[in-house]
Amino acid sequence: MEEAKTACTRAKQAWKKLKADGGKREEIKELKEIYRAKKMIYESLKTASSKETDGTVADESLSNATEKKNVIHSGVVSKKPKSLGAWFPTATIRKVKPLKSDERCTISLFYHYVRPSAMSKERTDELKLFLENITAELSIGGRIRVALEGLNSTISGTNKSIQEFSTRLTNFGKEMVGIDFKYINNLPPERAFKDMKVLPVKELVYYGVGEADAPLSAGGVHLDPEDYHAKMKEKDTVIIDVRNSYEAEIGKFVGQEAHGGATYIDPKMRKSTDFKTWVEKPDTQEKLKGKQVLLYCTGGVRCERASALINSKIGEQLTGVYQLKGGIEKYMQTFPDGGHWKGLNYVFDKREAIGVDSTAGVGGVVGGKKKRKKMSDADVLGRCCTCGIPWDRFIGKKKCYTCGVPVLMCDACMTKKIDKIKGRELEVRCPLCKEENITIPASETEWIHNGEGARHISAAPVAHSVLKWGGGHAREKKMKRSIEKQVTKKRKCANPERLPCRFGDECTRKGCWFSHPSPTK
């Protein structure tokens, strides 16, 4: 513990000295983070040491483990909301009892805008509490965004529990009547979410555009998959992908172009807030002028505000604005052979992405026992960000070095850990950053408006928007895990009844925790 105290003191002195000397901002920030981490480690060790002296650590750990187990299996929601970072300070999170090996998983996707006017704050709070309780009761996991304007959700559970949830949500009140639930049935149990998050938000999809500027009543015409499919064949038509560009890397509607149909357009967005900027560009408006505009996204929710925004900005210059009802999910269910779709559909659940021959998704270990049907290189749209081979799996949670969006990296480059090699960081960039020659790391940019409008003190180009992850709670979780690991190591070292090392007296591992027959070990 004294070593931790000394390390904490030294880190603080280094931080204060650099700050007083007028050092670089990023270096000061880094030293401050190091000091905070050292301080948390010291305080945790100090607390643990105090509890061990009183002989209460073992009992408390057992009590906490038992309480945690009871909470998980009973589905009880804590009355006190757990913060998920700066973005979701009042969100609630609850662990979900995993499905049994012989149970099948059902995933339900739905969104619903309350019409003709939004709910009151009190009614929204009632809905949030209702959702927390019913998902706990039915052991349902997933993500539900709750706003005054409605709901946006992806949930999982057994077919029986999902159907019960749908019925009871519809009966909640007149605000919830008419929800279009989309079901994906008979999935493996490992496709179920491990927890349930209910997230209060201002907008179901954050465009930074209010109802006054782009009223939903002025949105595009909703077309069923069959009608949308037919529209894609018509001339003087463009089809706009309202998803983020990294989603479009592995799949998109381009099959119709071979038959003289709609021209595919990628707005090249890193996040939804980029769409407004793209629509307002003169080049964009000229490209769309006199055309019939089709929009699509994963499940349909992102098209609602996007189509309203297009109509409000340049609607009079177009011959019509249409959107795919139910999104790509509904289209692929209607056209099992893929129709005009090519590649994989990126989804925000355990399936990871789905294709014509992989309705259960491609998520999981690469090269695992349950392999999907091998696709030819011609059918794979994505490319590894480092070596450039055909690749369509977002594995390892790799992010663009300069803007933070997910990037594709093949298993061979993952093994080499290219992103960890000093001097090769710029190889781990998304196609947009490479195209725009962005070289400033995302960690060295400042953000405004939820990542929109990135800026840097130098004259070098930066990504015009940067994707932030979780409002900072991920960094805190990582720091907490590091602290817990060190505390556990200290406790184990203090325990005289350690297991014998399998290498015995011949062990050469530095700091080996296991016991050795030799007194010198």
Protein backbone atom coordinates (compact mmCIF):
# COMPACT_ATOMS: atom_id res chain seq x y z
CA MET A 1 0.00 0.00 0.00
CA GLU A 2 2.94 2.32 0.68
CA GLU A 3 4.13 1.78 -2.88
CA ALA A 4 0.70 2.83 -4.17
CA LYS A 5 0.77 5.93 -1.97
CA THR A 6 4.22 6.90 -3.25
CA ALA A 7 3.17 6.35 -6.86
CA CYS A 8 0.09 8.51 -6.30
CA THR A 9 2.17 11.33 -4.82
CA ARG A 10 4.69 11.24 -7.67
CA ALA A 11 1.95 11.26 -10.29
CA LYS A 12 0.36 14.31 -8.68
CA GLN A 13 3.67 16.16 -8.54
CA ALA A 14 4.40 15.40 -12.21
CA TRP A 15 0.95 16.62 -13.25
CA LYS A 16 1.18 19.86 -11.22
CA LYS A 17 4.72 20.58 -12.46
CA LEU A 18 3.83 20.15 -16.13
CA LYS A 19 0.76 22.34 -15.67
CA ALA A 20 2.81 25.06 -13.98
CA ASP A 21 5.44 24.91 -16.74
CA GLY A 22 2.80 25.44 -19.43
CA GLY A 23 3.08 22.02 -21.03
CA LYS A 24 0.98 20.76 -23.91
CA ARG A 25 -2.71 20.39 -23.15
CA GLU A 26 -2.94 16.73 -24.16
CA GLU A 27 0.11 15.83 -22.06
CA ILE A 28 -1.34 17.61 -19.01
CA LYS A 29 -4.63 15.80 -19.52
CA GLU A 30 -2.83 12.45 -19.78
CA LEU A 31 -0.86 13.01 -16.56
CA LYS A 32 -4.03 14.06 -14.77
CA GLU A 33 -5.73 10.82 -15.80
CA ILE A 34 -2.69 8.85 -14.58
CA TYR A 35 -2.84 10.65 -11.24
CA ARG A 36 -6.57 9.94 -10.87
CA ALA A 37 -5.99 6.27 -11.61
CA LYS A 38 -3.13 6.02 -9.09
CA LYS A 39 -5.24 7.80 -6.48
CA MET A 40 -8.17 5.44 -6.97
CA ILE A 41 -5.84 2.43 -6.68
CA TYR A 42 -4.34 3.77 -3.45
CA GLU A 43 -7.73 4.56 -1.92
CA SER A 44 -9.10 1.14 -2.88
CA LEU A 45 -6.09 -0.63 -1.36
CA LYS A 46 -6.42 1.49 1.76
CA THR A 47 -10.10 0.61 2.11
CA ALA A 48 -9.46 -3.07 1.45
CA SER A 49 -6.67 -3.14 4.01
CA SER A 50 -8.92 -1.54 6.60
CA LYS A 51 -11.70 -4.07 5.99
CA GLU A 52 -9.29 -7.01 6.14
CA THR A 53 -8.07 -5.80 9.51
CA ASP A 54 -11.62 -5.93 10.81
CA GLY A 55 -12.10 -9.41 9.31
CA THR A 56 -15.14 -8.34 7.32
CA VAL A 57 -13.94 -8.60 3.73
CA ALA A 58 -14.84 -12.25 3.16
CA ASP A 59 -18.29 -11.91 4.69
CA GLU A 60 -19.04 -8.76 2.73
CA SER A 61 -17.83 -10.25 -0.54
CA LEU A 62 -20.03 -13.28 0.01
CA SER A 63 -22.98 -11.07 0.90
CA ASN A 64 -22.47 -8.89 -2.18
CA ALA A 65 -22.12 -11.92 -4.45
CA THR A 66 -25.31 -13.44 -3.02
CA GLU A 67 -27.18 -10.16 -3.38
CA LYS A 68 -25.95 -9.74 -6.96
CA LYS A 69 -27.01 -13.29 -7.81
CA ASN A 70 -30.47 -12.71 -6.35
CA VAL A 71 -30.87 -9.50 -8.32
CA ILE A 72 -29.85 -11.21 -11.56
CA HIS A 73 -32.18 -14.16 -11.18
CA SER A 74 -35.14 -12.31 -9.75
CA GLY A 75 -35.01 -9.53 -12.35
CA VAL A 76 -35.40 -6.82 -9.70
CA VAL A 77 -34.63 -3.27 -10.80
CA SER A 78 -32.77 -0.99 -8.42
CA LYS A 79 -34.86 2.05 -7.51
CA LYS A 80 -31.80 4.25 -7.79
CA PRO A 81 -30.91 4.82 -11.49
CA LYS A 82 -27.40 3.82 -12.46
CA SER A 83 -25.53 6.39 -14.49
CA LEU A 84 -24.19 5.38 -17.91
CA GLY A 85 -21.97 8.41 -18.28
CA ALA A 86 -22.60 12.05 -19.12
CA TRP A 87 -25.07 11.27 -21.89
CA PHE A 88 -27.45 9.11 -19.82
CA PRO A 89 -27.26 10.22 -16.16
CA THR A 90 -30.73 8.81 -15.30
CA ALA A 91 -30.59 5.60 -17.33
CA THR A 92 -31.28 2.27 -15.65
CA ILE A 93 -29.44 -0.96 -16.33
CA ARG A 94 -30.31 -4.46 -15.14
CA LYS A 95 -28.75 -7.85 -15.74
CA VAL A 96 -30.98 -10.43 -17.44
CA LYS A 97 -31.21 -14.13 -16.62
CA PRO A 98 -29.64 -15.94 -19.60
CA LEU A 99 -31.80 -18.20 -21.75
CA LYS A 100 -31.44 -21.94 -21.28
CA SER A 101 -29.60 -23.96 -23.90
CA ASP A 102 -32.84 -25.55 -25.12
CA GLU A 103 -34.71 -22.20 -25.37
CA ARG A 104 -34.93 -20.22 -28.59
CA CYS A 105 -34.44 -16.45 -28.73
CA THR A 106 -36.75 -13.90 -30.32
CA ILE A 107 -35.56 -10.38 -31.16
CA SER A 108 -38.07 -7.58 -31.60
CA LEU A 109 -37.29 -4.25 -33.26
CA PHE A 110 -39.73 -1.38 -33.12
CA TYR A 111 -39.99 2.36 -32.93
CA HIS A 112 -42.99 4.58 -32.39
CA TYR A 113 -43.51 8.32 -32.66
CA VAL A 114 -46.43 9.59 -30.59
CA ARG A 115 -48.93 11.45 -32.78
CA PRO A 116 -50.25 14.08 -33.14
CA SER A 117 -48.24 15.62 -30.28
CA ALA A 118 -45.52 14.49 -27.89
CA MET A 119 -46.14 13.14 -24.39
CA SER A 120 -45.79 15.24 -21.26
CA LYS A 121 -42.76 14.82 -19.00
CA GLU A 122 -44.92 13.12 -16.36
CA ARG A 123 -46.39 10.65 -18.86
CA THR A 124 -42.93 9.87 -20.24
CA ASP A 125 -41.68 9.12 -16.72
CA GLU A 126 -44.66 6.79 -16.22
CA LEU A 127 -43.77 4.99 -19.45
CA LYS A 128 -40.12 4.64 -18.42
CA LEU A 129 -41.08 3.10 -15.06
CA PHE A 130 -43.57 0.79 -16.80
CA LEU A 131 -40.85 -0.43 -19.19
CA GLU A 132 -38.38 -1.03 -16.38
CA ASN A 133 -40.87 -3.11 -14.44
CA ILE A 134 -42.32 -5.15 -17.30
CA THR A 135 -38.92 -6.04 -18.79
CA ALA A 136 -37.75 -7.15 -15.33
CA GLU A 137 -40.88 -9.24 -14.82
CA LEU A 138 -40.58 -10.94 -18.23
CA SER A 139 -36.74 -11.31 -18.16
CA ILE A 140 -36.34 -9.25 -21.32
CA GLY A 141 -33.02 -7.69 -22.32
CA GLY A 142 -32.06 -5.06 -24.85
CA ARG A 143 -32.03 -1.29 -25.36
CA ILE A 144 -35.02 1.04 -25.15
CA ARG A 145 -34.70 4.76 -25.86
CA VAL A 146 -37.50 6.78 -24.30
CA ALA A 147 -38.28 10.38 -25.28
CA LEU A 148 -41.21 12.75 -25.17
CA GLU A 149 -41.72 11.95 -28.84
CA GLY A 150 -41.87 8.15 -28.40
CA LEU A 151 -39.80 4.94 -28.29
CA ASN A 152 -36.97 3.31 -30.21
CA SER A 153 -36.11 -0.23 -29.19
CA THR A 154 -34.37 -3.54 -29.81
CA ILE A 155 -35.21 -6.24 -27.25
CA SER A 156 -34.75 -10.00 -26.85
CA GLY A 157 -36.24 -12.87 -24.87
CA THR A 158 -38.32 -15.97 -25.38
CA ASN A 159 -41.07 -15.77 -27.99
CA LYS A 160 -43.71 -15.98 -25.25
CA SER A 161 -42.20 -13.12 -23.21
CA ILE A 162 -41.74 -10.88 -26.28
CA GLN A 163 -45.33 -11.41 -27.40
CA GLU A 164 -46.56 -10.66 -23.86
CA PHE A 165 -44.46 -7.49 -23.79
CA SER A 166 -45.90 -6.31 -27.13
CA THR A 167 -49.47 -6.84 -25.94
CA ARG A 168 -48.99 -5.04 -22.64
CA LEU A 169 -47.09 -2.13 -24.20
CA THR A 170 -49.89 -1.61 -26.74
CA ASN A 171 -52.37 -1.54 -23.83
CA PHE A 172 -50.33 1.02 -21.91
CA GLY A 173 -52.39 3.86 -23.36
CA LYS A 174 -53.59 5.49 -26.54
CA GLU A 175 -50.08 6.84 -27.15
CA MET A 176 -48.79 3.32 -27.88
CA VAL A 177 -51.52 2.19 -30.28
CA GLY A 178 -50.32 1.27 -33.77
CA ILE A 179 -46.75 0.14 -33.04
CA ASP A 180 -45.22 -1.85 -35.91
CA PHE A 181 -43.34 -4.69 -34.18
CA LYS A 182 -40.79 -6.61 -36.24
CA TYR A 183 -39.94 -10.11 -34.97
CA ILE A 184 -36.95 -12.33 -35.71
CA ASN A 185 -37.80 -15.76 -34.28
CA ASN A 186 -36.05 -19.07 -33.63
CA LEU A 187 -32.58 -17.64 -32.99
CA PRO A 188 -29.88 -19.37 -30.90
CA PRO A 189 -30.03 -18.47 -27.16
CA GLU A 190 -26.65 -16.70 -27.33
CA ARG A 191 -28.24 -14.01 -29.53
CA ALA A 192 -30.13 -12.65 -26.50
CA PHE A 193 -28.98 -9.45 -24.77
CA LYS A 194 -27.27 -9.91 -21.40
CA ASP A 195 -28.77 -6.78 -19.86
CA MET A 196 -31.59 -4.28 -20.24
CA LYS A 197 -30.92 -0.57 -20.62
CA VAL A 198 -33.72 2.00 -20.51
CA LEU A 199 -32.29 5.28 -21.80
CA PRO A 200 -34.10 8.64 -21.46
CA VAL A 201 -33.14 10.79 -24.48
CA LYS A 202 -34.21 14.06 -26.11
CA GLU A 203 -34.54 12.61 -29.61
CA LEU A 204 -35.09 9.00 -30.66
CA VAL A 205 -32.48 9.59 -33.35
CA TYR A 206 -30.21 12.53 -32.66
CA TYR A 207 -30.17 14.73 -35.77
CA GLY A 208 -29.95 18.03 -33.91
CA VAL A 209 -33.15 19.04 -35.71
CA GLY A 210 -36.39 19.81 -33.88
CA GLU A 211 -40.01 19.25 -34.81
CA ALA A 212 -40.36 22.92 -35.78
CA ASP A 213 -37.63 22.67 -38.44
CA ALA A 214 -38.53 19.24 -39.80
CA PRO A 215 -42.05 18.17 -38.71
CA LEU A 216 -42.66 14.44 -38.97
CA SER A 217 -46.04 15.15 -40.56
CA ALA A 218 -44.11 16.39 -43.61
CA GLY A 219 -42.06 13.20 -43.90
CA GLY A 220 -41.81 10.87 -46.87
CA VAL A 221 -44.38 8.36 -48.12
CA HIS A 222 -43.99 4.95 -46.46
CA LEU A 223 -43.73 2.10 -48.97
CA ASP A 224 -43.99 -1.63 -48.23
CA PRO A 225 -40.97 -3.68 -49.38
CA GLU A 226 -42.73 -4.86 -52.55
CA ASP A 227 -43.63 -1.30 -53.66
CA TYR A 228 -40.20 0.00 -52.66
CA HIS A 229 -38.56 -2.78 -54.70
CA ALA A 230 -40.56 -1.70 -57.75
CA LYS A 231 -39.69 1.98 -57.21
CA MET A 232 -35.98 1.18 -57.27
CA LYS A 233 -36.33 0.12 -60.91
CA GLU A 234 -37.68 3.48 -62.06
CA LYS A 235 -35.61 6.08 -63.92
CA ASP A 236 -34.64 9.52 -62.60
CA THR A 237 -34.53 8.02 -59.13
CA VAL A 238 -31.87 8.15 -56.42
CA ILE A 239 -31.68 5.96 -53.35
CA ILE A 240 -30.11 7.54 -50.25
CA ASP A 241 -28.55 5.43 -47.50
CA VAL A 242 -29.49 7.17 -44.23
CA ARG A 243 -27.19 4.95 -42.16
CA ASN A 244 -23.63 5.70 -41.08
CA SER A 245 -20.99 5.12 -43.72
CA TYR A 246 -19.30 2.30 -41.81
CA GLU A 247 -22.59 0.36 -41.92
CA ALA A 248 -22.76 0.82 -45.70
CA GLU A 249 -19.23 -0.60 -46.06
CA ILE A 250 -20.51 -4.16 -45.76
CA GLY A 251 -23.93 -3.91 -47.46
CA LYS A 252 -26.15 -1.61 -49.54
CA PHE A 253 -28.83 -1.40 -52.24
CA VAL A 254 -26.86 -1.46 -55.50
CA GLY A 255 -28.36 -4.38 -57.41
CA GLN A 256 -30.90 -2.14 -59.15
CA GLU A 257 -28.16 -0.08 -60.83
CA ALA A 258 -27.27 -2.97 -63.13
CA HIS A 259 -30.80 -2.76 -64.58
CA GLY A 260 -30.83 1.01 -65.06
CA GLY A 261 -32.61 1.63 -61.78
CA ALA A 262 -32.07 4.08 -58.91
CA THR A 263 -28.60 5.52 -58.41
CA TYR A 264 -27.16 4.73 -54.98
CA ILE A 265 -25.97 7.70 -52.87
CA ASP A 266 -23.95 7.47 -49.66
CA PRO A 267 -24.02 10.80 -47.73
CA LYS A 268 -20.79 9.61 -46.05
CA MET A 269 -21.93 10.20 -42.51
CA ARG A 270 -20.06 9.24 -39.38
CA LYS A 271 -23.19 9.94 -37.33
CA SER A 272 -26.74 11.15 -37.91
CA THR A 273 -25.90 14.78 -37.13
CA ASP A 274 -23.91 14.88 -40.39
CA PHE A 275 -27.08 14.43 -42.46
CA LYS A 276 -28.34 18.00 -42.05
CA THR A 277 -24.98 19.39 -43.21
CA TRP A 278 -25.00 17.07 -46.23
CA VAL A 279 -28.54 18.07 -47.28
CA GLU A 280 -27.69 21.77 -47.07
CA LYS A 281 -24.70 21.48 -49.42
CA PRO A 282 -25.32 23.06 -52.88
CA ASP A 283 -23.73 20.02 -54.57
CA THR A 284 -26.19 17.71 -52.83
CA GLN A 285 -29.21 19.79 -53.76
CA GLU A 286 -28.10 19.97 -57.37
CA LYS A 287 -27.63 16.19 -57.46
CA LEU A 288 -31.16 15.60 -56.11
CA LYS A 289 -32.94 18.29 -58.14
CA GLY A 290 -35.77 16.92 -60.27
CA LYS A 291 -35.27 13.40 -58.95
CA GLN A 292 -37.47 10.91 -57.17
CA VAL A 293 -35.82 10.28 -53.77
CA LEU A 294 -35.90 6.95 -51.94
CA LEU A 295 -34.51 6.63 -48.39
CA TYR A 296 -33.73 3.55 -46.32
CA CYS A 297 -32.09 2.51 -43.05
CA THR A 298 -31.88 -0.58 -40.82
CA GLY A 299 -35.37 -0.54 -39.29
CA GLY A 300 -36.98 2.66 -40.57
CA VAL A 301 -36.63 5.04 -37.64
CA ARG A 302 -33.75 7.10 -39.07
CA CYS A 303 -35.74 7.78 -42.24
CA GLU A 304 -38.55 9.52 -40.34
CA ARG A 305 -36.72 12.73 -39.48
CA ALA A 306 -34.40 12.46 -42.50
CA SER A 307 -37.27 12.45 -45.01
CA ALA A 308 -38.94 15.33 -43.17
CA LEU A 309 -35.68 17.29 -43.32
CA ILE A 310 -35.30 16.73 -47.08
CA ASN A 311 -38.89 17.81 -47.70
CA SER A 312 -38.47 20.93 -45.57
CA LYS A 313 -35.23 21.94 -47.33
CA ILE A 314 -35.71 21.01 -51.00
CA GLY A 315 -39.04 19.20 -51.22
CA GLU A 316 -40.39 21.54 -53.91
CA GLN A 317 -37.42 20.66 -56.18
CA LEU A 318 -38.13 16.90 -56.04
CA THR A 319 -40.71 14.70 -57.74
CA GLY A 320 -41.33 12.70 -54.57
CA VAL A 321 -39.79 11.48 -51.31
CA TYR A 322 -40.34 7.85 -50.24
CA GLN A 323 -39.00 5.68 -47.43
CA LEU A 324 -38.78 1.92 -46.86
CA LYS A 325 -41.35 0.83 -44.28
CA GLY A 326 -39.75 -1.55 -41.78
CA GLY A 327 -36.27 -0.87 -43.13
CA ILE A 328 -33.79 -3.40 -44.48
CA GLU A 329 -34.93 -5.96 -41.88
CA LYS A 330 -38.44 -6.07 -43.38
CA TYR A 331 -37.13 -6.01 -46.95
CA MET A 332 -34.87 -9.04 -46.40
CA GLN A 333 -37.74 -10.94 -44.80
CA THR A 334 -39.89 -10.15 -47.85
CA PHE A 335 -37.13 -11.00 -50.35
CA PRO A 336 -35.25 -14.03 -48.97
CA ASP A 337 -32.96 -14.04 -52.02
CA GLY A 338 -31.84 -10.49 -51.17
CA GLY A 339 -33.65 -8.69 -53.99
CA HIS A 340 -31.58 -5.63 -54.92
CA TRP A 341 -29.61 -5.87 -51.68
CA LYS A 342 -25.95 -6.82 -51.79
CA GLY A 343 -23.75 -7.78 -48.82
CA LEU A 344 -24.63 -7.78 -45.11
CA ASN A 345 -27.01 -5.66 -43.09
CA TYR A 346 -25.26 -4.22 -40.04
CA VAL A 347 -27.47 -4.53 -36.93
CA PHE A 348 -27.12 -3.27 -33.36
CA ASP A 349 -27.59 -6.54 -31.50
CA LYS A 350 -25.80 -9.84 -30.93
CA ARG A 351 -26.30 -10.93 -34.54
CA GLU A 352 -23.77 -8.24 -35.63
CA ALA A 353 -24.84 -8.42 -39.30
CA ILE A 354 -27.24 -10.51 -41.35
CA GLY A 355 -27.24 -11.70 -44.94
CA VAL A 356 -29.23 -13.86 -47.30
CA ASP A 357 -27.68 -17.07 -45.91
CA SER A 358 -27.16 -15.84 -42.36
CA THR A 359 -30.50 -14.78 -40.92
CA ALA A 360 -29.24 -15.62 -37.41
CA GLY A 361 -26.34 -13.24 -37.94
CA VAL A 362 -22.58 -13.62 -38.29
CA GLY A 363 -21.72 -12.53 -34.75
CA GLY A 364 -19.38 -14.71 -32.72
CA VAL A 365 -15.84 -16.04 -32.86
CA VAL A 366 -14.23 -15.94 -36.30
CA GLY A 367 -13.66 -19.50 -37.48
CA GLY A 368 -15.88 -20.93 -34.74
CA LYS A 369 -17.78 -24.20 -35.00
CA LYS A 370 -20.96 -22.55 -36.29
CA LYS A 371 -19.58 -21.11 -39.51
CA ARG A 372 -21.82 -19.31 -41.95
CA LYS A 373 -21.86 -20.15 -45.62
CA LYS A 374 -18.65 -18.97 -47.25
CA MET A 375 -19.18 -15.88 -49.43
CA SER A 376 -17.10 -15.32 -52.54
CA ASP A 377 -14.79 -12.30 -52.54
CA ALA A 378 -17.03 -10.70 -55.19
CA ASP A 379 -19.95 -10.74 -52.75
CA VAL A 380 -17.94 -9.23 -49.89
CA LEU A 381 -18.15 -5.43 -50.13
CA GLY A 382 -15.96 -4.51 -47.16
CA ARG A 383 -12.17 -4.33 -47.05
CA CYS A 384 -9.70 -4.69 -44.18
CA CYS A 385 -8.59 -1.19 -43.19
CA THR A 386 -4.91 -2.19 -43.07
CA CYS A 387 -4.16 -4.86 -45.70
CA GLY A 388 -7.17 -4.30 -47.98
CA ILE A 389 -8.35 -7.91 -48.43
CA PRO A 390 -12.11 -8.57 -48.73
CA TRP A 391 -13.53 -8.59 -45.18
CA ASP A 392 -16.96 -7.89 -43.68
CA ARG A 393 -16.67 -8.59 -39.94
CA PHE A 394 -16.47 -5.84 -37.31
CA ILE A 395 -14.48 -7.81 -34.75
CA GLY A 396 -12.30 -6.74 -31.85
CA LYS A 397 -14.08 -3.42 -31.35
CA LYS A 398 -11.49 -1.68 -33.50
CA LYS A 399 -12.07 2.04 -34.04
CA CYS A 400 -10.78 4.57 -36.54
CA TYR A 401 -7.68 6.29 -35.17
CA THR A 402 -8.82 9.70 -36.39
CA CYS A 403 -12.61 9.75 -35.94
CA GLY A 404 -13.56 6.84 -33.69
CA VAL A 405 -16.04 4.96 -35.92
CA PRO A 406 -15.82 1.13 -36.10
CA VAL A 407 -13.37 -0.16 -38.71
CA LEU A 408 -13.00 -3.50 -40.48
CA MET A 409 -9.83 -5.43 -39.59
CA CYS A 410 -9.18 -8.99 -40.73
CA ASP A 411 -8.15 -11.71 -38.30
CA ALA A 412 -4.57 -11.76 -39.66
CA CYS A 413 -4.06 -8.04 -38.96
CA MET A 414 -5.80 -8.46 -35.60
CA THR A 415 -3.21 -11.09 -34.70
CA LYS A 416 -0.39 -8.71 -35.66
CA LYS A 417 -2.01 -5.96 -33.50
CA ILE A 418 -1.36 -3.32 -36.15
CA ASP A 419 -3.18 -0.66 -34.10
CA LYS A 420 -0.73 -1.18 -31.24
CA ILE A 421 2.43 -0.70 -33.32
CA LYS A 422 3.87 2.78 -32.91
CA GLY A 423 4.11 4.60 -36.21
CA ARG A 424 1.41 2.54 -37.92
CA GLU A 425 -1.61 4.11 -36.24
CA LEU A 426 -2.73 5.90 -39.42
CA GLU A 427 -3.25 2.53 -41.10
CA VAL A 428 -6.19 1.99 -38.77
CA ARG A 429 -8.52 4.55 -40.33
CA CYS A 430 -11.95 4.37 -41.88
CA PRO A 431 -12.36 4.91 -45.66
CA LEU A 432 -13.77 8.41 -45.04
CA CYS A 433 -10.72 9.59 -43.10
CA LYS A 434 -8.39 8.11 -45.71
CA GLU A 435 -10.36 9.82 -48.48
CA GLU A 436 -10.34 13.16 -46.63
CA ASN A 437 -6.68 12.73 -45.55
CA ILE A 438 -7.52 13.15 -41.85
CA THR A 439 -4.41 12.63 -39.70
CA ILE A 440 -5.23 14.17 -36.30
CA PRO A 441 -6.13 11.46 -33.73
CA ALA A 442 -9.67 11.54 -32.38
CA SER A 443 -8.20 11.72 -28.87
CA GLU A 444 -6.62 15.11 -29.67
CA THR A 445 -9.77 16.81 -30.93
CA GLU A 446 -12.31 18.90 -29.09
CA TRP A 447 -16.01 18.32 -29.69
CA ILE A 448 -19.12 20.42 -29.60
CA HIS A 449 -22.76 19.36 -29.95
CA ASN A 450 -22.27 15.66 -29.14
CA GLY A 451 -19.22 15.19 -31.37
CA GLU A 452 -20.33 17.42 -34.24
CA GLY A 453 -17.83 20.09 -35.24
CA ALA A 454 -14.50 18.58 -34.19
CA ARG A 455 -11.62 21.04 -34.01
CA HIS A 456 -7.90 21.08 -33.23
CA ILE A 457 -5.41 23.76 -32.32
CA SER A 458 -3.17 22.98 -35.31
CA ALA A 459 -3.90 23.70 -38.97
CA ALA A 460 -3.98 19.99 -39.87
CA PRO A 461 -7.34 18.64 -41.12
CA VAL A 462 -9.62 16.92 -38.61
CA ALA A 463 -12.77 14.85 -39.09
CA HIS A 464 -15.77 17.21 -39.20
CA SER A 465 -17.50 14.93 -36.68
CA VAL A 466 -16.08 12.49 -34.16
CA LEU A 467 -17.83 9.47 -32.73
CA LYS A 468 -17.74 9.46 -28.94
CA TRP A 469 -18.41 6.30 -27.01
CA GLY A 470 -20.75 6.16 -24.00
CA GLY A 471 -20.24 9.57 -22.43
CA GLY A 472 -17.02 8.53 -20.71
CA HIS A 473 -18.33 5.63 -18.61
CA ALA A 474 -16.27 3.07 -20.55
CA ARG A 475 -13.03 4.73 -19.41
CA GLU A 476 -14.24 4.66 -15.81
CA LYS A 477 -15.17 0.96 -16.11
CA LYS A 478 -11.73 0.17 -17.50
CA MET A 479 -10.07 2.05 -14.65
CA LYS A 480 -12.27 0.26 -12.12
CA ARG A 481 -11.34 -3.15 -13.56
CA SER A 482 -7.65 -2.23 -13.32
CA ILE A 483 -8.10 -1.26 -9.69
CA GLU A 484 -10.02 -4.42 -8.84
CA LYS A 485 -7.34 -6.52 -10.51
CA GLN A 486 -4.59 -4.94 -8.41
CA VAL A 487 -6.62 -5.23 -5.21
CA THR A 488 -7.29 -8.90 -5.91
CA LYS A 489 -3.59 -9.46 -6.59
CA LYS A 490 -2.69 -7.86 -3.25
CA ARG A 491 -5.19 -10.04 -1.42
CA LYS A 492 -3.93 -13.22 -3.08
CA CYS A 493 -0.35 -12.37 -2.19
CA ALA A 494 -1.40 -11.96 1.44
CA ASN A 495 -3.02 -15.41 1.46
CA PRO A 496 -0.50 -18.05 2.72
CA GLU A 497 -2.59 -20.98 1.39
CA ARG A 498 -1.67 -20.56 -2.24
CA LEU A 499 -1.87 -23.39 -4.77
CA PRO A 500 1.43 -25.08 -5.67
CA CYS A 501 3.07 -24.01 -8.91
CA ARG A 502 3.00 -26.75 -11.57
CA PHE A 503 6.62 -25.94 -12.49
CA GLY A 504 7.72 -26.39 -8.89
CA ASP A 505 11.18 -25.20 -7.90
CA GLU A 506 12.13 -24.88 -11.59
CA CYS A 507 9.67 -22.04 -12.18
CA THR A 508 11.35 -19.00 -13.75
CA ARG A 509 8.27 -16.75 -14.07
CA LYS A 510 8.88 -13.38 -12.46
CA GLY A 511 6.39 -12.64 -9.66
CA CYS A 512 4.65 -16.03 -9.92
CA TRP A 513 1.71 -16.02 -7.51
CA PHE A 514 1.69 -19.80 -6.89
CA SER A 515 3.64 -21.35 -3.99
CA HIS A 516 7.01 -23.04 -4.54
CA PRO A 517 8.83 -25.63 -2.46
CA SER A 518 12.00 -23.56 -2.38
CA PRO A 519 12.10 -20.84 0.33
CA THR A 520 13.86 -18.55 -2.13
CA LYS A 521 10.80 -18.43 -4.44
